Amino acid sequence: MKVVIDNNITLSLKISAKDRHVVYIEISKQESVVEKNVTLKLDRPEYFLPIKHLLGTNLDEAGSEKVKAIFNGQRTRDIYDLYYYLIKNKNIKLSYKLINKKFEYYNYKM
């Protein structure tokens, strides 16, 4: 595991197996998590990575983060990610209450 970025905004890690398969993890240091985290099991033997258990943001909150990111104009990729969450995955529920909590950090209102 290698630290890629570690500043007051973001911690980014790179986990690789034999430098062939790479997983990037990005952790925001700016905002707190609103909803309960979910446990994710990273178990992909085809990538020769050790089994890891990670805490991650639930999809509803991740979707709210994507809406916030789109309004901030951070990355075009966020539009695709939100489309994928809403249309392809269909396991996400956007909540105005949750989105507004995310916007409070930047003093935005919906």
C-alpha atoms as a PDB file:
ATOM      1  CA  MET A   1       0.000   0.000   0.000  1.00  0.00           C
ATOM      2  CA  LYS A   2       1.308   3.433  -0.958  1.00  0.00           C
ATOM      3  CA  VAL A   3       0.075   6.867   0.089  1.00  0.00           C
ATOM      4  CA  VAL A   4      -0.529   8.908  -3.080  1.00  0.00           C
ATOM      5  CA  ILE A   5      -1.965  12.098  -1.552  1.00  0.00           C
ATOM      6  CA  ASP A   6      -2.126  13.122   2.090  1.00  0.00           C
ATOM      7  CA  ASN A   7      -3.150  16.720   2.664  1.00  0.00           C
ATOM      8  CA  ASN A   8      -5.793  18.541   4.707  1.00  0.00           C
ATOM      9  CA  ILE A   9      -8.507  17.685   2.130  1.00  0.00           C
ATOM     10  CA  THR A  10      -7.828  14.137   0.908  1.00  0.00           C
ATOM     11  CA  LEU A  11      -6.043  10.915   1.735  1.00  0.00           C
ATOM     12  CA  SER A  12      -5.517   8.750  -1.362  1.00  0.00           C
ATOM     13  CA  LEU A  13      -4.060   5.269  -1.192  1.00  0.00           C
ATOM     14  CA  LYS A  14      -2.856   2.893  -3.888  1.00  0.00           C
ATOM     15  CA  ILE A  15      -2.987  -0.838  -3.211  1.00  0.00           C
ATOM     16  CA  SER A  16      -1.347  -3.048  -5.788  1.00  0.00           C
ATOM     17  CA  ALA A  17      -0.535  -6.707  -6.231  1.00  0.00           C
ATOM     18  CA  LYS A  18       2.673  -7.365  -8.078  1.00  0.00           C
ATOM     19  CA  ASP A  19       2.213  -3.930  -9.730  1.00  0.00           C
ATOM     20  CA  ARG A  20      -0.296  -5.513 -12.129  1.00  0.00           C
ATOM     21  CA  HIS A  21      -3.611  -4.865 -10.426  1.00  0.00           C
ATOM     22  CA  VAL A  22      -4.245  -1.592  -8.679  1.00  0.00           C
ATOM     23  CA  VAL A  23      -7.009  -0.349  -6.378  1.00  0.00           C
ATOM     24  CA  TYR A  24      -7.219   3.340  -5.519  1.00  0.00           C
ATOM     25  CA  ILE A  25      -8.965   4.498  -2.355  1.00  0.00           C
ATOM     26  CA  GLU A  26      -9.843   8.147  -1.775  1.00  0.00           C
ATOM     27  CA  ILE A  27     -10.858   9.403   1.659  1.00  0.00           C
ATOM     28  CA  SER A  28     -12.240  12.893   2.175  1.00  0.00           C
ATOM     29  CA  LYS A  29     -11.045  14.718   5.282  1.00  0.00           C
ATOM     30  CA  GLN A  30     -13.409  17.655   4.764  1.00  0.00           C
ATOM     31  CA  GLU A  31     -16.843  16.351   5.613  1.00  0.00           C
ATOM     32  CA  SER A  32     -18.282  13.858   8.028  1.00  0.00           C
ATOM     33  CA  VAL A  33     -20.361  10.869   7.029  1.00  0.00           C
ATOM     34  CA  VAL A  34     -24.095  11.374   7.636  1.00  0.00           C
ATOM     35  CA  GLU A  35     -25.499   7.864   7.121  1.00  0.00           C
ATOM     36  CA  LYS A  36     -24.227   4.621   8.637  1.00  0.00           C
ATOM     37  CA  ASN A  37     -21.240   3.143   6.790  1.00  0.00           C
ATOM     38  CA  VAL A  38     -21.378  -0.278   5.187  1.00  0.00           C
ATOM     39  CA  THR A  39     -18.736  -2.985   5.374  1.00  0.00           C
ATOM     40  CA  LEU A  40     -17.304  -4.028   2.034  1.00  0.00           C
ATOM     41  CA  LYS A  41     -15.344  -7.224   1.569  1.00  0.00           C
ATOM     42  CA  LEU A  42     -12.596  -6.829  -1.007  1.00  0.00           C
ATOM     43  CA  ASP A  43     -12.094 -10.433  -2.059  1.00  0.00           C
ATOM     44  CA  ARG A  44     -10.989 -10.827  -5.664  1.00  0.00           C
ATOM     45  CA  PRO A  45      -8.611 -13.812  -5.917  1.00  0.00           C
ATOM     46  CA  GLU A  46      -8.205 -13.229  -9.657  1.00  0.00           C
ATOM     47  CA  TYR A  47      -6.329 -10.014  -8.790  1.00  0.00           C
ATOM     48  CA  PHE A  48      -4.028 -11.710  -6.269  1.00  0.00           C
ATOM     49  CA  LEU A  49      -4.911  -9.155  -3.602  1.00  0.00           C
ATOM     50  CA  PRO A  50      -5.137 -10.060   0.073  1.00  0.00           C
ATOM     51  CA  ILE A  51      -8.697 -10.141   1.446  1.00  0.00           C
ATOM     52  CA  LYS A  52      -9.545  -6.823   3.101  1.00  0.00           C
ATOM     53  CA  HIS A  53     -12.627  -5.507   4.866  1.00  0.00           C
ATOM     54  CA  LEU A  54     -13.242  -1.821   4.266  1.00  0.00           C
ATOM     55  CA  LEU A  55     -15.783   0.609   5.647  1.00  0.00           C
ATOM     56  CA  GLY A  56     -17.481   2.494   2.858  1.00  0.00           C
ATOM     57  CA  THR A  57     -20.150   5.073   2.275  1.00  0.00           C
ATOM     58  CA  ASN A  58     -23.589   3.624   1.586  1.00  0.00           C
ATOM     59  CA  LEU A  59     -24.951   4.195  -1.929  1.00  0.00           C
ATOM     60  CA  ASP A  60     -27.615   6.728  -0.886  1.00  0.00           C
ATOM     61  CA  GLU A  61     -24.963   8.966   0.645  1.00  0.00           C
ATOM     62  CA  ALA A  62     -22.568   8.375  -2.260  1.00  0.00           C
ATOM     63  CA  GLY A  63     -25.341   9.525  -4.616  1.00  0.00           C
ATOM     64  CA  SER A  64     -25.829  12.679  -2.540  1.00  0.00           C
ATOM     65  CA  GLU A  65     -22.073  13.275  -2.724  1.00  0.00           C
ATOM     66  CA  LYS A  66     -22.273  12.978  -6.524  1.00  0.00           C
ATOM     67  CA  VAL A  67     -25.092  15.546  -6.694  1.00  0.00           C
ATOM     68  CA  LYS A  68     -23.006  17.911  -4.567  1.00  0.00           C
ATOM     69  CA  ALA A  69     -19.936  17.297  -6.731  1.00  0.00           C
ATOM     70  CA  ILE A  70     -21.911  18.044  -9.911  1.00  0.00           C
ATOM     71  CA  PHE A  71     -23.019  21.389  -8.455  1.00  0.00           C
ATOM     72  CA  ASN A  72     -19.404  22.127  -7.494  1.00  0.00           C
ATOM     73  CA  GLY A  73     -18.257  21.311 -11.033  1.00  0.00           C
ATOM     74  CA  GLN A  74     -15.511  19.043  -9.733  1.00  0.00           C
ATOM     75  CA  ARG A  75     -15.381  16.279 -12.374  1.00  0.00           C
ATOM     76  CA  THR A  76     -17.436  15.290 -15.391  1.00  0.00           C
ATOM     77  CA  ARG A  77     -17.135  11.689 -14.210  1.00  0.00           C
ATOM     78  CA  ASP A  78     -19.582  12.486 -11.379  1.00  0.00           C
ATOM     79  CA  ILE A  79     -22.425  12.866 -13.894  1.00  0.00           C
ATOM     80  CA  TYR A  80     -21.747   9.398 -15.277  1.00  0.00           C
ATOM     81  CA  ASP A  81     -21.419   7.937 -11.770  1.00  0.00           C
ATOM     82  CA  LEU A  82     -24.775   9.397 -10.718  1.00  0.00           C
ATOM     83  CA  TYR A  83     -26.381   8.087 -13.923  1.00  0.00           C
ATOM     84  CA  TYR A  84     -24.950   4.642 -13.194  1.00  0.00           C
ATOM     85  CA  TYR A  85     -26.196   4.713  -9.580  1.00  0.00           C
ATOM     86  CA  LEU A  86     -29.704   5.818 -10.560  1.00  0.00           C
ATOM     87  CA  ILE A  87     -30.344   4.068 -13.879  1.00  0.00           C
ATOM     88  CA  LYS A  88     -28.130   0.999 -13.991  1.00  0.00           C
ATOM     89  CA  ASN A  89     -27.853   0.069 -10.322  1.00  0.00           C
ATOM     90  CA  LYS A  90     -31.321   1.177  -9.155  1.00  0.00           C
ATOM     91  CA  ASN A  91     -30.387   0.446  -5.527  1.00  0.00           C
ATOM     92  CA  ILE A  92     -30.092   4.094  -4.569  1.00  0.00           C
ATOM     93  CA  LYS A  93     -32.593   6.544  -3.180  1.00  0.00           C
ATOM     94  CA  LEU A  94     -31.805  10.244  -3.434  1.00  0.00           C
ATOM     95  CA  SER A  95     -33.065  12.247  -0.485  1.00  0.00           C
ATOM     96  CA  TYR A  96     -33.402  16.042  -0.439  1.00  0.00           C
ATOM     97  CA  LYS A  97     -32.684  15.927   3.291  1.00  0.00           C
ATOM     98  CA  LEU A  98     -29.403  14.071   2.771  1.00  0.00           C
ATOM     99  CA  ILE A  99     -28.411  16.241  -0.216  1.00  0.00           C
ATOM    100  CA  ASN A 100     -29.091  19.385   1.839  1.00  0.00           C
ATOM    101  CA  LYS A 101     -26.886  18.048   4.638  1.00  0.00           C
ATOM    102  CA  LYS A 102     -24.094  17.649   2.092  1.00  0.00           C
ATOM    103  CA  PHE A 103     -24.725  21.170   0.769  1.00  0.00           C
ATOM    104  CA  GLU A 104     -24.586  22.695   4.279  1.00  0.00           C
ATOM    105  CA  TYR A 105     -20.799  22.274   4.259  1.00  0.00           C
ATOM    106  CA  TYR A 106     -20.649  24.733   1.337  1.00  0.00           C
ATOM    107  CA  ASN A 107     -23.580  26.895   2.523  1.00  0.00           C
ATOM    108  CA  TYR A 108     -25.752  25.784  -0.417  1.00  0.00           C
ATOM    109  CA  LYS A 109     -29.528  25.305  -0.222  1.00  0.00           C
ATOM    110  CA  MET A 110     -31.821  23.291  -2.496  1.00  0.00           C
END
